[in-house]
């Protein structure tokens, strides 16, 4: 059986989340005003709530889920490539990164296009 992994990409860093739950839309908008810009997007739980979760380590405050990745139970663990980076933010992953880079290329294009970050800076963060 596949496992789902949840990530938050706000602030230019990728944080893996645990214990996902539905957070009311009004609370998400109040706590994370950057989600109101066209650059970031949280994943909907239903019409009234968004997915949120707690970081695996560090701060204990809930964070919005910006990527929900299905990680295969028998992954091939190949190197990340354009298919992984350009994949859907809710897609299936089986590469070495464990879903951490899957769909991240979408955010890189949005950030660079909006002037929030440079392409060189984002590539450096992805290779860490």
Protein backbone atom coordinates (compact mmCIF):
# COMPACT_ATOMS: atom_id res chain seq x y z
CA UNK A 1 0.00 0.00 0.00
CA UNK A 2 1.24 3.48 -0.83
CA UNK A 3 1.84 6.11 1.84
CA UNK A 4 1.00 9.78 1.53
CA UNK A 5 3.57 12.43 2.41
CA UNK A 6 2.62 16.03 3.09
CA UNK A 7 4.84 19.08 2.51
CA UNK A 8 4.73 22.84 3.08
CA UNK A 9 6.81 25.02 0.74
CA UNK A 10 6.17 28.48 2.20
CA UNK A 11 9.15 30.74 2.74
CA UNK A 12 11.38 28.99 0.19
CA UNK A 13 12.04 25.89 2.28
CA UNK A 14 10.44 22.46 2.15
CA UNK A 15 9.04 21.12 5.43
CA UNK A 16 7.65 17.60 5.71
CA UNK A 17 4.44 17.51 7.76
CA UNK A 18 2.76 14.87 9.89
CA UNK A 19 -0.71 14.38 11.40
CA UNK A 20 -2.67 16.12 8.63
CA UNK A 21 -6.03 17.65 9.52
CA UNK A 22 -8.57 20.09 8.10
CA UNK A 23 -8.03 23.72 9.12
CA UNK A 24 -10.91 26.18 8.49
CA UNK A 25 -10.36 28.47 5.48
CA UNK A 26 -10.71 31.63 7.60
CA UNK A 27 -8.03 30.43 10.02
CA UNK A 28 -5.68 29.53 7.16
CA UNK A 29 -6.18 32.98 5.58
CA UNK A 30 -5.52 34.72 8.92
CA UNK A 31 -2.39 32.70 9.82
CA UNK A 32 -0.89 32.49 6.33
CA UNK A 33 -1.71 35.65 4.32
CA UNK A 34 0.93 34.67 1.73
CA UNK A 35 -1.50 31.96 0.55
CA UNK A 36 -3.76 34.71 -0.79
CA UNK A 37 -1.15 35.61 -3.43
CA UNK A 38 -1.17 33.74 -6.77
CA UNK A 39 2.27 32.25 -5.97
CA UNK A 40 1.27 29.82 -3.20
CA UNK A 41 -1.67 27.47 -2.96
CA UNK A 42 -2.79 25.18 -0.15
CA UNK A 43 -4.53 21.90 -0.90
CA UNK A 44 -8.24 21.80 -0.12
CA UNK A 45 -9.64 19.27 2.34
CA UNK A 46 -13.21 20.17 1.38
CA UNK A 47 -15.09 23.38 0.56
CA UNK A 48 -14.67 24.79 4.05
CA UNK A 49 -11.20 23.64 5.10
CA UNK A 50 -7.63 23.27 3.84
CA UNK A 51 -5.13 20.52 4.63
CA UNK A 52 -2.67 21.45 7.39
CA UNK A 53 -0.16 19.48 9.43
CA UNK A 54 2.60 19.71 12.01
CA UNK A 55 6.31 19.84 11.08
CA UNK A 56 8.26 16.59 11.63
CA UNK A 57 10.85 18.60 13.57
CA UNK A 58 11.36 22.18 14.73
CA UNK A 59 8.46 24.53 15.44
CA UNK A 60 5.23 22.90 16.60
CA UNK A 61 2.87 25.36 14.88
CA UNK A 62 0.63 23.86 12.17
CA UNK A 63 1.57 24.66 8.57
CA UNK A 64 -0.59 24.51 5.42
CA UNK A 65 -0.10 21.58 3.06
CA UNK A 66 1.04 22.82 -0.36
CA UNK A 67 1.95 19.37 -1.73
CA UNK A 68 0.40 15.96 -1.01
CA UNK A 69 2.47 13.18 -2.60
CA UNK A 70 1.60 9.50 -2.86
CA UNK A 71 4.83 7.58 -2.24
CA UNK A 72 4.85 4.06 -3.68
CA UNK A 73 5.29 1.11 -1.32
CA UNK A 74 7.94 -0.49 -3.59
CA UNK A 75 9.78 2.59 -4.94
CA UNK A 76 12.57 2.32 -7.52
CA UNK A 77 14.48 5.12 -5.70
CA UNK A 78 15.91 6.57 -8.92
CA UNK A 79 17.57 10.00 -9.08
CA UNK A 80 15.19 12.98 -9.31
CA UNK A 81 14.69 14.22 -12.85
CA UNK A 82 12.47 16.64 -14.78
CA UNK A 83 9.52 14.26 -14.50
CA UNK A 84 9.76 14.45 -10.71
CA UNK A 85 10.39 18.21 -10.42
CA UNK A 86 7.73 19.03 -13.01
CA UNK A 87 5.20 16.54 -11.61
CA UNK A 88 1.83 17.44 -10.15
CA UNK A 89 1.75 18.71 -6.58
CA UNK A 90 -0.63 15.85 -5.80
CA UNK A 91 1.12 13.18 -7.88
CA UNK A 92 2.82 9.83 -7.33
CA UNK A 93 6.54 9.62 -6.53
CA UNK A 94 9.06 6.80 -6.23
CA UNK A 95 12.43 8.56 -6.49
CA UNK A 96 15.28 8.92 -4.03
CA UNK A 97 14.07 12.22 -2.52
CA UNK A 98 11.05 10.50 -0.96
CA UNK A 99 8.65 12.99 -2.51
CA UNK A 100 10.44 16.05 -1.15
CA UNK A 101 11.22 17.45 -4.62
CA UNK A 102 8.15 16.09 -6.43
CA UNK A 103 6.22 18.94 -8.04
CA UNK A 104 8.60 21.52 -6.64
CA UNK A 105 9.50 22.80 -10.11
CA UNK A 106 6.04 24.37 -10.29
CA UNK A 107 6.79 26.55 -7.25
CA UNK A 108 10.23 27.44 -8.62
CA UNK A 109 8.69 28.76 -11.85
CA UNK A 110 6.09 30.76 -9.91
CA UNK A 111 8.62 32.25 -7.49
CA UNK A 112 11.09 33.22 -10.20
CA UNK A 113 8.29 34.66 -12.37
CA UNK A 114 6.96 36.76 -9.50
CA UNK A 115 10.39 38.11 -8.52
CA UNK A 116 10.26 36.52 -5.04
CA UNK A 117 13.36 34.40 -5.69
CA UNK A 118 16.03 33.89 -8.31
CA UNK A 119 16.36 30.63 -10.26
CA UNK A 120 19.95 30.15 -8.96
CA UNK A 121 18.81 30.45 -5.34
CA UNK A 122 15.98 27.93 -5.81
CA UNK A 123 18.27 25.38 -7.54
CA UNK A 124 20.73 25.64 -4.65
CA UNK A 125 17.94 24.94 -2.14
CA UNK A 126 16.68 21.95 -4.11
CA UNK A 127 20.08 20.27 -4.19
CA UNK A 128 20.49 20.37 -0.39
